[in-house]
Amino acid sequence: MIRVAMHPLTPTGVGSRIGFVRIEDTRAGLRLTPELHNLARYGIRPGPHGFHIHEMGDLAPTIKDGRVVRGGSAGGHYDPERTGRHAGPYGDGHRGDLPVLQVAANGSATRPVVAPRLKLSEVEGRAIIIHLGGDNYTDTPPNGGGKARMIGGVITNDCPYCKKKGGKSGLLALAGSMAVIGGFYHWYNSNEDGS
């Protein structure tokens, strides 16, 4: 059993832990039990939301076509057979397609789902993502209409984002590093005359 720490995904990085998703093998498949509350605070409204296992265990934002993608470093949906198809948890497409996450009227998600084609051993170290929109399990609109990646976690009991002070990571950390380098560069060039 793994208790995955879940974090809000922002255009500048990964926020502080907001809850958990417990993941364990069962006879019926991989059971995922969310322990998430006050989701409206993070842009998640009541109703169904796309819920997927993604290829990589990295939640940092990326840039694609000139736009920031929250959690873009997680890559695409887990698809070891390279089907390139979004067909839902019972279909023959991406194996990372999970049953939709149901968010209750009070903003909580606690209802377990089962992914019959998955085992914990194959998803450990990958990312789990909750999307802004629902999921119709087709490729029209793209990825079933899930839209933006809003909340994510790395499937491990040793959360890499829980150890970072202040919750800064991704582009915000990169921007901070670039500011330090830029300041040093400016200082160095202004002092070339030996002063």
Protein backbone atom coordinates (compact mmCIF):
# COMPACT_ATOMS: atom_id res chain seq x y z
CA MET A 1 0.00 0.00 0.00
CA ILE A 2 1.20 3.49 -0.85
CA ARG A 3 -0.27 6.70 0.55
CA VAL A 4 0.44 9.29 -2.16
CA ALA A 5 0.79 12.91 -1.00
CA MET A 6 -1.23 15.15 -3.35
CA HIS A 7 -0.31 18.74 -4.23
CA PRO A 8 -1.86 21.62 -6.18
CA LEU A 9 -0.10 22.15 -9.51
CA THR A 10 0.50 25.77 -10.49
CA PRO A 11 2.09 27.51 -13.47
CA THR A 12 5.14 28.17 -11.26
CA GLY A 13 5.56 24.82 -9.51
CA VAL A 14 4.15 22.39 -6.99
CA GLY A 15 2.32 23.56 -3.88
CA SER A 16 2.22 22.13 -0.37
CA ARG A 17 0.48 18.82 0.36
CA ILE A 18 -3.34 19.06 0.48
CA GLY A 19 -4.29 15.41 1.07
CA PHE A 20 -3.61 11.85 0.00
CA VAL A 21 -4.66 9.06 -2.35
CA ARG A 22 -4.19 5.57 -0.88
CA ILE A 23 -3.26 2.99 -3.55
CA GLU A 24 -3.32 -0.78 -3.04
CA ASP A 25 -3.66 -4.01 -4.99
CA THR A 26 -6.93 -5.95 -4.70
CA ARG A 27 -8.31 -9.02 -6.49
CA ALA A 28 -10.37 -6.68 -8.71
CA GLY A 29 -7.39 -4.49 -9.62
CA LEU A 30 -5.66 -1.41 -8.28
CA ARG A 31 -7.83 0.43 -5.74
CA LEU A 32 -7.31 4.19 -5.32
CA THR A 33 -8.96 5.81 -2.31
CA PRO A 34 -8.78 9.62 -2.25
CA GLU A 35 -8.55 11.52 1.04
CA LEU A 36 -9.10 15.02 -0.37
CA HIS A 37 -11.16 17.91 1.01
CA ASN A 38 -11.89 21.59 0.17
CA LEU A 39 -11.04 20.98 -3.48
CA ALA A 40 -12.85 24.12 -4.69
CA ARG A 41 -9.97 26.06 -3.16
CA TYR A 42 -7.77 24.47 -5.86
CA GLY A 43 -10.14 24.94 -8.80
CA ILE A 44 -11.82 21.53 -8.56
CA ARG A 45 -15.62 21.80 -8.55
CA PRO A 46 -18.16 19.14 -7.60
CA GLY A 47 -18.72 16.47 -10.23
CA PRO A 48 -16.56 14.08 -12.28
CA HIS A 49 -12.90 14.82 -13.00
CA GLY A 50 -10.30 13.14 -15.19
CA PHE A 51 -8.07 10.94 -13.04
CA HIS A 52 -4.97 9.37 -14.60
CA ILE A 53 -1.63 7.71 -14.00
CA HIS A 54 1.03 9.60 -15.97
CA GLU A 55 4.34 8.24 -17.28
CA MET A 56 6.85 10.13 -15.12
CA GLY A 57 7.14 10.79 -11.38
CA ASP A 58 7.75 14.53 -11.82
CA LEU A 59 5.14 17.27 -11.28
CA ALA A 60 7.10 20.35 -12.37
CA PRO A 61 5.54 22.62 -15.01
CA THR A 62 6.84 22.68 -18.58
CA ILE A 63 6.46 24.94 -21.60
CA LYS A 64 4.65 23.55 -24.67
CA ASP A 65 3.88 25.66 -27.73
CA GLY A 66 4.77 28.78 -25.75
CA ARG A 67 2.34 28.00 -22.91
CA VAL A 68 2.94 26.75 -19.39
CA VAL A 69 1.62 23.24 -18.72
CA ARG A 70 0.99 22.57 -15.02
CA GLY A 71 2.56 19.24 -14.10
CA GLY A 72 3.84 18.88 -17.68
CA SER A 73 6.94 16.98 -16.54
CA ALA A 74 4.66 14.04 -15.67
CA GLY A 75 4.45 13.31 -19.40
CA GLY A 76 1.45 11.64 -21.02
CA HIS A 77 -0.88 8.97 -19.70
CA TYR A 78 0.78 5.70 -18.75
CA ASP A 79 0.61 3.67 -21.98
CA PRO A 80 3.13 0.77 -21.89
CA GLU A 81 1.60 -0.89 -24.96
CA ARG A 82 1.92 2.42 -26.91
CA THR A 83 -1.72 2.30 -28.03
CA GLY A 84 -1.92 6.09 -28.35
CA ARG A 85 -5.62 5.78 -27.50
CA HIS A 86 -7.76 7.05 -24.64
CA ALA A 87 -10.29 4.24 -24.00
CA GLY A 88 -11.06 4.30 -20.27
CA PRO A 89 -10.22 1.92 -17.45
CA TYR A 90 -12.00 -1.06 -19.08
CA GLY A 91 -10.93 -0.41 -22.68
CA ASP A 92 -7.79 -1.32 -24.59
CA GLY A 93 -6.15 2.13 -24.65
CA HIS A 94 -3.88 3.87 -22.15
CA ARG A 95 -3.55 1.75 -19.02
CA GLY A 96 -3.25 4.97 -17.01
CA ASP A 97 -6.92 5.80 -17.67
CA LEU A 98 -8.66 5.53 -14.30
CA PRO A 99 -12.36 5.72 -13.43
CA VAL A 100 -13.33 9.38 -12.98
CA LEU A 101 -12.77 11.00 -9.62
CA GLN A 102 -16.11 12.07 -8.14
CA VAL A 103 -16.04 15.28 -6.12
CA ALA A 104 -19.00 15.68 -3.74
CA ALA A 105 -21.04 18.88 -3.30
CA ASN A 106 -19.02 19.68 -0.16
CA GLY A 107 -15.77 19.71 -2.18
CA SER A 108 -14.46 16.37 -0.91
CA ALA A 109 -13.30 13.33 -2.86
CA THR A 110 -13.33 10.15 -0.78
CA ARG A 111 -15.00 7.56 -3.03
CA PRO A 112 -12.59 4.73 -4.01
CA VAL A 113 -12.16 3.67 -7.64
CA VAL A 114 -10.69 0.45 -9.05
CA ALA A 115 -8.46 0.21 -12.14
CA PRO A 116 -8.80 -3.43 -13.23
CA ARG A 117 -5.80 -3.48 -15.59
CA LEU A 118 -3.20 -2.09 -13.17
CA LYS A 119 -0.95 -3.37 -10.37
CA LEU A 120 0.86 -1.24 -7.80
CA SER A 121 4.28 -2.54 -8.88
CA GLU A 122 3.90 -1.08 -12.38
CA VAL A 123 2.76 2.40 -11.31
CA GLU A 124 5.09 2.99 -8.35
CA GLY A 125 7.28 6.04 -9.03
CA ARG A 126 4.90 7.46 -11.66
CA ALA A 127 2.53 10.43 -11.20
CA ILE A 128 -1.18 10.51 -10.49
CA ILE A 129 -3.02 13.58 -11.82
CA ILE A 130 -6.48 15.07 -11.25
CA HIS A 131 -7.71 17.19 -14.16
CA LEU A 132 -9.92 20.28 -14.22
CA GLY A 133 -12.57 18.70 -16.46
CA GLY A 134 -14.39 15.37 -16.68
CA ASP A 135 -13.45 12.42 -18.86
CA ASN A 136 -15.48 10.80 -21.63
CA TYR A 137 -12.76 8.18 -22.33
CA THR A 138 -12.32 9.14 -25.97
CA ASP A 139 -9.81 11.22 -27.90
CA THR A 140 -12.41 13.86 -28.83
CA PRO A 141 -11.94 16.31 -27.28
CA PRO A 142 -8.25 15.52 -26.60
CA ASN A 143 -7.71 13.22 -23.60
CA GLY A 144 -11.44 12.92 -23.03
CA GLY A 145 -11.92 16.57 -22.10
CA GLY A 146 -9.85 16.47 -18.92
CA LYS A 147 -8.28 19.87 -19.62
CA ALA A 148 -5.69 21.33 -17.22
CA ARG A 149 -3.72 19.28 -14.70
CA MET A 150 -4.74 20.70 -11.32
CA ILE A 151 -3.58 18.33 -8.56
CA GLY A 152 -0.92 15.65 -8.60
CA GLY A 153 1.27 13.33 -6.61
CA VAL A 154 4.20 10.98 -7.13
CA ILE A 155 3.32 7.36 -6.36
CA THR A 156 5.68 6.75 -3.45
CA ASN A 157 5.55 6.79 0.33
CA ASP A 158 8.60 9.08 0.27
CA CYS A 159 7.10 12.28 -1.19
CA PRO A 160 9.76 14.29 -3.06
CA TYR A 161 7.73 17.53 -2.82
CA CYS A 162 7.05 17.26 0.92
CA LYS A 163 10.77 17.69 1.65
CA LYS A 164 11.18 21.02 -0.15
CA LYS A 165 11.12 24.05 2.12
CA GLY A 166 8.35 26.50 1.21
CA GLY A 167 6.91 24.19 -1.44
CA LYS A 168 8.87 25.94 -4.23
CA SER A 169 9.81 23.86 -7.22
CA GLY A 170 9.62 23.88 -10.97
CA LEU A 171 9.68 27.21 -12.80
CA LEU A 172 9.73 29.29 -9.60
CA ALA A 173 12.92 27.60 -8.43
CA LEU A 174 14.37 27.92 -11.93
CA ALA A 175 13.53 31.64 -12.00
CA GLY A 176 15.16 32.15 -8.60
CA SER A 177 18.32 30.38 -9.75
CA MET A 178 18.43 32.45 -12.93
CA ALA A 179 18.09 35.67 -10.89
CA VAL A 180 21.09 34.68 -8.75
CA ILE A 181 23.15 33.77 -11.83
CA GLY A 182 22.11 37.00 -13.56
CA GLY A 183 23.10 39.05 -10.51
CA PHE A 184 26.49 37.36 -10.35
CA TYR A 185 27.02 37.89 -14.10
CA HIS A 186 26.19 41.61 -13.76
CA TRP A 187 28.51 41.98 -10.73
CA TYR A 188 31.36 40.11 -12.47
CA ASN A 189 31.11 42.15 -15.68
CA SER A 190 30.92 45.47 -13.81
CA ASN A 191 34.09 44.59 -11.85
CA GLU A 192 36.31 43.50 -14.77
CA ASP A 193 38.44 46.61 -14.38
CA GLY A 194 39.94 45.12 -11.23
CA SER A 195 37.97 47.10 -8.67
